[in-house]
Amino acid sequence: MKKLFLIIGAPGSGKTTDASIIAKNDSKFSHYSTGDLLRAEVASGSDLGRLIDSFISKGNLVPLDVVVNTIVSAIKSSPTEYILIDGYPRSVEQMLELDKVLSNTNDVKLSGVIEVDVSEQVARERVLGRARGADDNDEVFNNRMKVYLAPLKEIRDFYSSKSLLRNINGERTIEEIVSDMANLLNTMIKE
């Protein structure tokens, strides 16, 4: 059975970097970033990629069925037992859809959710400082932050009620955050 860990956090929280370092340093983990999975589809130039781009370029959410199918496909084809997915869920609907899909499968279990906590100011400085693409500007950041914060309380409450949510401070060095996250993951694997 595959064991899934979700890594959530604001844009610029470092969740993708943290999870990718853990997977690189520990071969029992595979890491998939929802954003990277979706951007790869956009880069392919497919019809689906153009549809995804029409949402991402404005900082809006990609339709639920597209995201869930992308994630489930990545989990099932993963070469490892433990899977880290960051950037999901970003809405209550995404959370509930994933919960529904996982409750109907015997080969994947959600084993934990880690929130990388950073202030909006730190998130803004990181995103606008990296300016990776056309979607890294003040207007799009404000929208992405609004989209992230709107469902956050419900997402926290849902995963807390299932005793799955853990929180780590994302305003430290990458080394400190990655060390804490790796320790937390290894603790949750044993639970």
Protein backbone atom coordinates (compact mmCIF):
# COMPACT_ATOMS: atom_id res chain seq x y z
CA MET A 1 0.00 0.00 0.00
CA LYS A 2 1.25 3.48 -0.92
CA LYS A 3 1.38 5.99 1.93
CA LEU A 4 0.65 9.56 0.90
CA PHE A 5 1.84 12.70 2.69
CA LEU A 6 0.52 16.10 1.65
CA ILE A 7 2.74 19.15 2.13
CA ILE A 8 0.73 22.38 2.22
CA GLY A 9 1.72 26.02 2.61
CA ALA A 10 1.38 29.48 1.14
CA PRO A 11 2.94 30.35 -2.21
CA GLY A 12 6.62 30.87 -1.39
CA SER A 13 6.52 28.79 1.81
CA GLY A 14 9.25 26.51 0.43
CA LYS A 15 7.07 23.37 0.43
CA THR A 16 8.23 22.21 -3.02
CA THR A 17 11.92 22.77 -2.25
CA ASP A 18 11.65 21.06 1.16
CA ALA A 19 9.83 18.00 -0.19
CA SER A 20 12.16 17.64 -3.19
CA ILE A 21 15.26 17.72 -0.95
CA ILE A 22 13.78 15.04 1.32
CA ALA A 23 12.99 12.78 -1.66
CA LYS A 24 16.48 13.37 -3.09
CA ASN A 25 18.16 12.53 0.24
CA ASP A 26 15.95 9.56 1.20
CA SER A 27 15.18 7.01 -1.51
CA LYS A 28 12.07 5.69 0.27
CA PHE A 29 10.22 8.88 -0.74
CA SER A 30 8.99 10.05 -4.14
CA HIS A 31 8.02 13.70 -4.50
CA TYR A 32 5.48 15.26 -6.81
CA SER A 33 4.58 18.92 -6.87
CA THR A 34 1.07 19.57 -8.07
CA GLY A 35 2.36 22.75 -9.68
CA ASP A 36 5.19 20.91 -11.46
CA LEU A 37 2.83 18.17 -12.67
CA LEU A 38 0.48 20.81 -14.07
CA ARG A 39 3.32 22.96 -15.53
CA ALA A 40 4.74 19.86 -17.27
CA GLU A 41 1.37 19.36 -18.94
CA VAL A 42 1.33 23.04 -19.99
CA ALA A 43 4.87 22.72 -21.40
CA SER A 44 3.81 19.69 -23.45
CA GLY A 45 1.60 22.00 -25.52
CA SER A 46 -1.33 19.58 -25.34
CA ASP A 47 -4.97 20.68 -25.37
CA LEU A 48 -5.11 19.80 -21.67
CA GLY A 49 -1.95 21.87 -21.13
CA ARG A 50 -3.53 24.90 -22.82
CA LEU A 51 -6.63 24.50 -20.64
CA ILE A 52 -4.50 24.28 -17.49
CA ASP A 53 -2.49 27.34 -18.59
CA SER A 54 -5.65 29.41 -18.98
CA PHE A 55 -6.20 28.98 -15.23
CA ILE A 56 -2.59 29.04 -13.91
CA SER A 57 -1.64 32.20 -15.81
CA LYS A 58 -4.32 34.13 -13.92
CA GLY A 59 -3.46 32.55 -10.55
CA ASN A 60 -6.75 30.61 -10.50
CA LEU A 61 -7.38 26.98 -9.56
CA VAL A 62 -7.25 24.28 -12.22
CA PRO A 63 -10.52 22.28 -12.46
CA LEU A 64 -10.92 19.60 -9.82
CA ASP A 65 -11.14 16.54 -12.04
CA VAL A 66 -7.96 17.49 -13.92
CA VAL A 67 -5.95 17.93 -10.73
CA VAL A 68 -7.22 14.82 -8.94
CA ASN A 69 -6.62 12.61 -11.99
CA THR A 70 -3.10 14.03 -12.34
CA ILE A 71 -2.33 13.30 -8.67
CA VAL A 72 -3.84 9.81 -8.53
CA SER A 73 -1.95 8.84 -11.68
CA ALA A 74 1.35 10.04 -10.13
CA ILE A 75 0.71 8.13 -6.88
CA LYS A 76 -0.15 4.85 -8.59
CA SER A 77 2.88 4.99 -10.88
CA SER A 78 5.27 5.99 -8.08
CA PRO A 79 8.25 3.67 -7.66
CA THR A 80 8.26 4.09 -3.85
CA GLU A 81 5.92 3.24 -0.99
CA TYR A 82 5.97 6.77 0.47
CA ILE A 83 4.79 9.69 -1.64
CA LEU A 84 5.10 13.41 -0.93
CA ILE A 85 2.75 15.70 -2.83
CA ASP A 86 2.97 19.41 -2.27
CA GLY A 87 0.56 22.15 -3.23
CA TYR A 88 -2.56 20.07 -2.68
CA PRO A 89 -5.31 20.55 -1.64
CA ARG A 90 -5.91 24.21 -2.43
CA SER A 91 -9.67 24.17 -1.93
CA VAL A 92 -12.23 22.39 0.23
CA GLU A 93 -13.55 20.74 -2.94
CA GLN A 94 -10.09 19.39 -3.82
CA MET A 95 -9.69 18.08 -0.27
CA LEU A 96 -13.07 16.35 -0.26
CA GLU A 97 -12.57 14.89 -3.76
CA LEU A 98 -9.20 13.42 -2.80
CA ASP A 99 -10.70 12.05 0.43
CA LYS A 100 -13.51 10.45 -1.59
CA VAL A 101 -11.13 8.94 -4.16
CA LEU A 102 -8.81 7.59 -1.44
CA SER A 103 -11.70 6.10 0.55
CA ASN A 104 -12.61 4.08 -2.56
CA THR A 105 -9.14 2.63 -3.06
CA ASN A 106 -7.27 0.03 -1.03
CA ASP A 107 -3.83 0.77 -2.44
CA VAL A 108 -3.28 4.37 -1.24
CA LYS A 109 -3.63 5.73 2.29
CA LEU A 110 -3.29 9.37 3.38
CA SER A 111 -0.83 9.11 6.27
CA GLY A 112 -0.24 12.77 7.11
CA VAL A 113 -0.50 16.43 6.18
CA ILE A 114 2.30 18.87 6.98
CA GLU A 115 1.71 22.62 6.82
CA VAL A 116 4.81 24.74 6.23
CA ASP A 117 3.86 27.93 8.03
CA VAL A 118 5.16 31.33 6.85
CA SER A 119 3.80 34.86 7.18
CA GLU A 120 2.28 36.57 4.16
CA GLN A 121 5.17 39.06 4.17
CA VAL A 122 7.82 36.31 3.97
CA ALA A 123 5.82 34.51 1.27
CA ARG A 124 5.54 37.72 -0.78
CA GLU A 125 9.29 38.47 -0.50
CA ARG A 126 10.19 34.95 -1.58
CA VAL A 127 7.80 34.76 -4.54
CA LEU A 128 8.53 38.23 -5.90
CA GLY A 129 12.24 37.77 -5.23
CA ARG A 130 12.45 34.58 -7.30
CA ALA A 131 10.34 35.93 -10.21
CA ARG A 132 10.42 32.52 -11.89
CA GLY A 133 7.75 33.20 -14.47
CA ALA A 134 4.97 35.44 -15.73
CA ASP A 135 2.81 34.37 -12.79
CA ASP A 136 5.27 35.79 -10.22
CA ASN A 137 4.07 39.39 -9.92
CA ASP A 138 2.31 41.38 -7.20
CA GLU A 139 -1.21 41.15 -8.64
CA VAL A 140 -1.03 37.40 -9.25
CA PHE A 141 0.64 36.84 -5.86
CA ASN A 142 -2.21 38.69 -4.11
CA ASN A 143 -4.74 36.50 -5.90
CA ARG A 144 -2.80 33.30 -5.16
CA MET A 145 -2.58 34.27 -1.49
CA LYS A 146 -6.32 35.00 -1.37
CA VAL A 147 -7.07 31.65 -3.06
CA TYR A 148 -4.74 29.89 -0.57
CA LEU A 149 -6.15 31.55 2.57
CA ALA A 150 -9.87 31.31 1.75
CA PRO A 151 -10.29 27.56 2.49
CA LEU A 152 -7.36 27.19 4.91
CA LYS A 153 -9.35 27.04 8.16
CA GLU A 154 -11.66 24.32 6.79
CA ILE A 155 -8.69 22.34 5.45
CA ARG A 156 -6.89 22.59 8.81
CA ASP A 157 -10.04 21.60 10.71
CA PHE A 158 -10.74 18.63 8.41
CA TYR A 159 -7.25 17.12 8.68
CA SER A 160 -6.97 17.97 12.39
CA SER A 161 -10.22 16.09 13.06
CA LYS A 162 -8.59 13.03 11.45
CA SER A 163 -5.38 13.58 13.51
CA LEU A 164 -3.38 13.97 10.30
CA LEU A 165 -2.25 17.63 10.43
CA ARG A 166 1.17 18.70 11.68
CA ASN A 167 2.69 22.17 11.44
CA ILE A 168 6.29 23.29 11.03
CA ASN A 169 7.85 26.75 11.03
CA GLY A 170 8.87 27.62 7.46
CA GLU A 171 10.70 30.83 8.40
CA ARG A 172 14.06 29.24 9.16
CA THR A 173 16.95 27.94 7.08
CA ILE A 174 16.20 25.29 4.47
CA GLU A 175 18.43 22.87 6.38
CA GLU A 176 16.46 23.32 9.63
CA ILE A 177 13.08 23.01 7.90
CA VAL A 178 14.09 19.93 5.88
CA SER A 179 15.52 18.26 9.00
CA ASP A 180 12.31 18.90 10.96
CA MET A 181 10.12 17.74 8.08
CA ALA A 182 12.15 14.54 7.56
CA ASN A 183 11.95 13.73 11.28
CA LEU A 184 8.22 14.42 11.30
CA LEU A 185 7.65 12.20 8.24
CA ASN A 186 9.60 9.35 9.78
CA THR A 187 7.58 9.71 13.00
CA MET A 188 4.29 9.65 11.05
CA ILE A 189 5.40 6.55 9.11
CA LYS A 190 5.72 4.70 12.43
CA GLU A 191 2.31 5.87 13.75
